[in-house]
Amino acid sequence: MHERVIPEAQTSEDLHAHLSVDALRSHWHALFLPGPARAAGESRFPELADTSAAAA
């Protein structure tokens, strides 16, 4: 669900309504996301970039 919601959300309310923060943090590195969506997430939440780098 995260892979679908992240690139298609129209508002931050969409993200908050449909995403689990804990699941997102746990599985960020495994999500198949478009490059701009991943970059935006990691730019806004640097701790996500750290988990991606650790998993790589």
C-alpha atoms as a PDB file:
ATOM      1  CA  MET A   1       0.000   0.000   0.000  1.00  0.00           C
ATOM      2  CA  HIS A   2       2.849   2.385   0.788  1.00  0.00           C
ATOM      3  CA  GLU A   3       4.246   1.984  -2.728  1.00  0.00           C
ATOM      4  CA  ARG A   4       0.901   3.087  -4.162  1.00  0.00           C
ATOM      5  CA  VAL A   5       0.001   5.863  -1.723  1.00  0.00           C
ATOM      6  CA  ILE A   6       3.341   7.696  -1.612  1.00  0.00           C
ATOM      7  CA  PRO A   7       3.550   8.629  -5.302  1.00  0.00           C
ATOM      8  CA  GLU A   8      -0.201   9.123  -5.752  1.00  0.00           C
ATOM      9  CA  ALA A   9      -1.117  11.138  -2.650  1.00  0.00           C
ATOM     10  CA  GLN A  10      -2.455  14.583  -3.452  1.00  0.00           C
ATOM     11  CA  THR A  11      -2.108  16.084   0.032  1.00  0.00           C
ATOM     12  CA  SER A  12      -0.230  15.472   3.247  1.00  0.00           C
ATOM     13  CA  GLU A  13      -3.590  14.479   4.734  1.00  0.00           C
ATOM     14  CA  ASP A  14      -3.708  11.603   2.232  1.00  0.00           C
ATOM     15  CA  LEU A  15      -0.341  10.414   3.486  1.00  0.00           C
ATOM     16  CA  HIS A  16      -1.310  10.698   7.144  1.00  0.00           C
ATOM     17  CA  ALA A  17      -4.619   8.913   6.570  1.00  0.00           C
ATOM     18  CA  HIS A  18      -3.194   5.909   4.727  1.00  0.00           C
ATOM     19  CA  LEU A  19       0.379   5.328   5.903  1.00  0.00           C
ATOM     20  CA  SER A  20       1.796   3.735   9.016  1.00  0.00           C
ATOM     21  CA  VAL A  21       4.839   5.645  10.234  1.00  0.00           C
ATOM     22  CA  ASP A  22       6.331   2.594  11.924  1.00  0.00           C
ATOM     23  CA  ALA A  23       5.836   0.376   8.866  1.00  0.00           C
ATOM     24  CA  LEU A  24       7.205   3.076   6.594  1.00  0.00           C
ATOM     25  CA  ARG A  25      10.373   3.437   8.670  1.00  0.00           C
ATOM     26  CA  SER A  26      10.793  -0.335   8.899  1.00  0.00           C
ATOM     27  CA  HIS A  27      10.360  -1.020   5.196  1.00  0.00           C
ATOM     28  CA  TRP A  28      11.511   2.194   3.488  1.00  0.00           C
ATOM     29  CA  HIS A  29      14.619   0.578   2.003  1.00  0.00           C
ATOM     30  CA  ALA A  30      12.561  -2.244   0.448  1.00  0.00           C
ATOM     31  CA  LEU A  31       9.855  -0.084  -1.138  1.00  0.00           C
ATOM     32  CA  PHE A  32       9.824   0.215  -4.915  1.00  0.00           C
ATOM     33  CA  LEU A  33       9.330   3.969  -5.360  1.00  0.00           C
ATOM     34  CA  PRO A  34       9.914   6.386  -8.212  1.00  0.00           C
ATOM     35  CA  GLY A  35      13.196   8.266  -7.748  1.00  0.00           C
ATOM     36  CA  PRO A  36      11.539  11.654  -7.124  1.00  0.00           C
ATOM     37  CA  ALA A  37       9.233  10.183  -4.469  1.00  0.00           C
ATOM     38  CA  ARG A  38      12.142   8.503  -2.670  1.00  0.00           C
ATOM     39  CA  ALA A  39      14.288  11.640  -2.881  1.00  0.00           C
ATOM     40  CA  ALA A  40      11.449  13.799  -1.554  1.00  0.00           C
ATOM     41  CA  GLY A  41      10.858  11.451   1.361  1.00  0.00           C
ATOM     42  CA  GLU A  42      14.536  11.251   2.239  1.00  0.00           C
ATOM     43  CA  SER A  43      14.960  15.002   1.885  1.00  0.00           C
ATOM     44  CA  ARG A  44      12.046  15.691   4.208  1.00  0.00           C
ATOM     45  CA  PHE A  45      12.902  12.883   6.641  1.00  0.00           C
ATOM     46  CA  PRO A  46      16.689  12.330   6.680  1.00  0.00           C
ATOM     47  CA  GLU A  47      16.368   9.319   8.980  1.00  0.00           C
ATOM     48  CA  LEU A  48      14.810   7.463   6.024  1.00  0.00           C
ATOM     49  CA  ALA A  49      17.934   8.102   3.933  1.00  0.00           C
ATOM     50  CA  ASP A  50      19.991   6.687   6.782  1.00  0.00           C
ATOM     51  CA  THR A  51      17.970   3.457   6.760  1.00  0.00           C
ATOM     52  CA  SER A  52      18.326   3.202   2.955  1.00  0.00           C
ATOM     53  CA  ALA A  53      22.080   3.668   3.144  1.00  0.00           C
ATOM     54  CA  ALA A  54      22.358   1.090   5.930  1.00  0.00           C
ATOM     55  CA  ALA A  55      20.402  -1.459   3.917  1.00  0.00           C
ATOM     56  CA  ALA A  56      22.396  -0.924   0.711  1.00  0.00           C
END
